[in-house]
Amino acid sequence: MTTERQPTPDHGMSDTTLTALLDRDRVPLLYHTARNMQPRQLAGIAERKLRHLIVPAVPVDFDARYEGSVPASLSGAPDPVARNTALLRDALPSSGQTDFRELSQGIAAGEVTFRNRTVTVESASGVDWVGAGVPEPSTLWGLQFHGFAFLMWPVLGYQSPTDCTAVEETLEQWLRDWDRSGSNRIGQPAYLRRSWTPHAVSLRILNLVRFYAWAEDVLEPPHSARLRKLVYKNAAFLSNHVEHDIGGNHLIENGAALVMAGLFFPESGQQWVKQGLDVLVETAEQFRADGGHFERSPMYHAVTVTRYLTVIDLLKRVGREIPPEVQRVATAGVRFLRDMEPPDGRLPLLNDSVFGLALPLQSCLAYARAVGIEPTDETTSAQNAPTASGYYWLGTGRSRLLVDGGAIGPPHLPAHSHNDHFAVLWWADGQRILTDTGVFEYLPTTERQYSRSVEAHNTVQYDDVEPIQTGGSYLFGRRIEPEVAYEHRDGLTCFDGHYRTESSSQPQYSHRRHIYGSDTWWLVWDTVSAEKSAPIRSRLHLDPAVTVRSTPSDGQQHLVVSSLEGGSETGIAHIYPLDTDRIIRDQRPYYPEFGRSMPRTGITLRTDGSDVSFGFLLSTDDIDTVDVTRDGDEATGVQVGTVFQPLTSIED
């Protein structure tokens, strides 16, 4: 193998700045992104920008108006939320609760840590809510900070506030400081980009109510009243700023927050319960026939289903009727999680997914069981793959291949999609071998551009062309619509995917990927056709927990994958390149958590031409001979050791 330096993508820019609008290369992306948006989204964006400009300039104290809407006598009903929070805490593994306790200790020192970045936010003059050191909610760090995610650390880490008195007292002071801070007033310049971003308001409501329910017994009456006022004020604001302009998972967060706030105030919040349930009934259409969320991110699926589960449990506890659409989403959504569960039990990091934001997959399933929603006990296999969402399993048990065969997210909301058409993930005997890249952040940085690019995924790239052009944080160019066939027959599971690029500003090509899977091996065979000869690369990204070595024999390159924790001499998995000109090994970044980058090994299979066919075979066994018979570009059979397996197209 030779070594090739990985190209570094360029830095991006914000999607909607004037610079972006005047950038000649960015205009087509803005056009294709905007033309697919719904009228309600466009109207909402226009309204939000007008509010952002006009409200701070109007001589009206909007913050005082919201303060004045809070009833003079306001009581809360925290018991249902306290009981639900106990279910949520118990669903976490002990290691997860330990992590929350460790994060909590930083609070007493005036520090908060999100996305692997620690910021000292408290000084002698109080908490610096909007200072230079605190990012705005347009960043994930700022969203979590202004959403009061730090309140959940002691809530989920400790059974009682008496177990962490210093932390609880510090948080009381922070909330008092936030309430008094002039920088957090509604109507301040940039208020819709800082403290009062509706997404952050939703998180703030959910976290404030859970904190109140957890700490109620130790709260002094003045502080208890202050927290109730904050919840009410935030809910009143959110009720007027539901994110129909954004849609997607934001809208589900809005709905869940309104329901929780309304149930917390049984005497004065019933309008919010109705409004929140109406939103959650509306957003039920975001879930596909197999239960998967339409943004196609396993992480955001877990986040949104968790919100539905919480709403169902709270409604049960107060004796309220559960809308059938809400029940259906939760039941089917949990089923989807079970169907997507890989051999190691952790979320596949596809389409803007990382570890650490959503509940761990196993905890989400445990929470669902505690709420009373549990899918039937089936083994994930090709027979129950979540194909409506574009995901296809090949294999059963502890060794399986997952194919991302779907289109990018919905036309009006592709924000969390990647150029990962027909990418594969592979587990061998429960160990992750081939992984996706994850996400470092959402700002338009080098890392963001790389994680969305085709080169960050286990699929094929023609020349330097992106199947769909990308830019900024969330922009996408002209879509492609892959065609997929999938079936199980003659002891093999077969996947056949095809797409052709449609861009007018870069070379066009077509890509067809056939995958054939048995119980112990998987053949991936790619055919690329273009008008112009160019390098064609099939990239494989290995998990950081494994290493790879090359063992050529009889002229055939054989890559042996071993666990860093100690694999056998023959390895735990094997990769056999087929009909490729060059095999290149390099180091590539892996983003398993927001803000965290790890090196890992990458393998590139390269062939030059305009019409080429090549591929690789993955196996859990060490095989003496691997070869493919061909009829033109098509693989018609594969020799695996002493066994010859005929291959037929699905349409045959």
Foldseek 3Di string as FASTA:
>chain_A
DAADDDDFDAFFAALDDPVLCPDPVNVQLNVLLVVLADPLLVVLVVVVVCCLPPLLVDPDQVLVVLLVVDDPDFAWDLVLLQVLLVLLLVLADLVVLVVLVVQLVVLLVQWHDDLNDIDRQADPVGGNQDDPRADWCVWVRQLCVLLVVNLVSCSSNDQACVVPVSSLVSVLRNLVCCVPDPVQGPRHNCNCRHNLVLLSLLSNLSSLSSSCSRHVVPDDVVSNVSSLSSNSSSLVSLVVNQPPNQDFLSNLSSLLSLLVNLNRGVVPRPVSNVVSLVSLLVLLVQAWPQLAGQQLFPQSLLVSLLSLLSSLSSCVVVVHDDPPSSVVNNQSSLSLLQLQQALLRFHAQAQQRFPDPGRTSSSSQSSCVVSPHHDDDDWHAQVSHPPRSQWGWWATDQWIKIFRAFWAGRSNHNQRHALAHGFMWIGFNNHTWFGAFHQQIQFSGSRQVVSRFNQRTQFKDWARDGLWDDGGRGGTHDTKGKDWDWDDDPQKTKIWIKIWRDDPVDFIKIKIWIWIHHNFKIWIKMKIAGPDKHKMKRKTWTDQQKDWDWDDDPNWIKIAIAGPVDGDPRHQKIKTWWPFDDKHKYWDWGDNTHNDTDITIMIMGIDIDRIDMITMMMGRDDFPDWYFDDDVRDTQWIDTHPDIGGDDDPVD
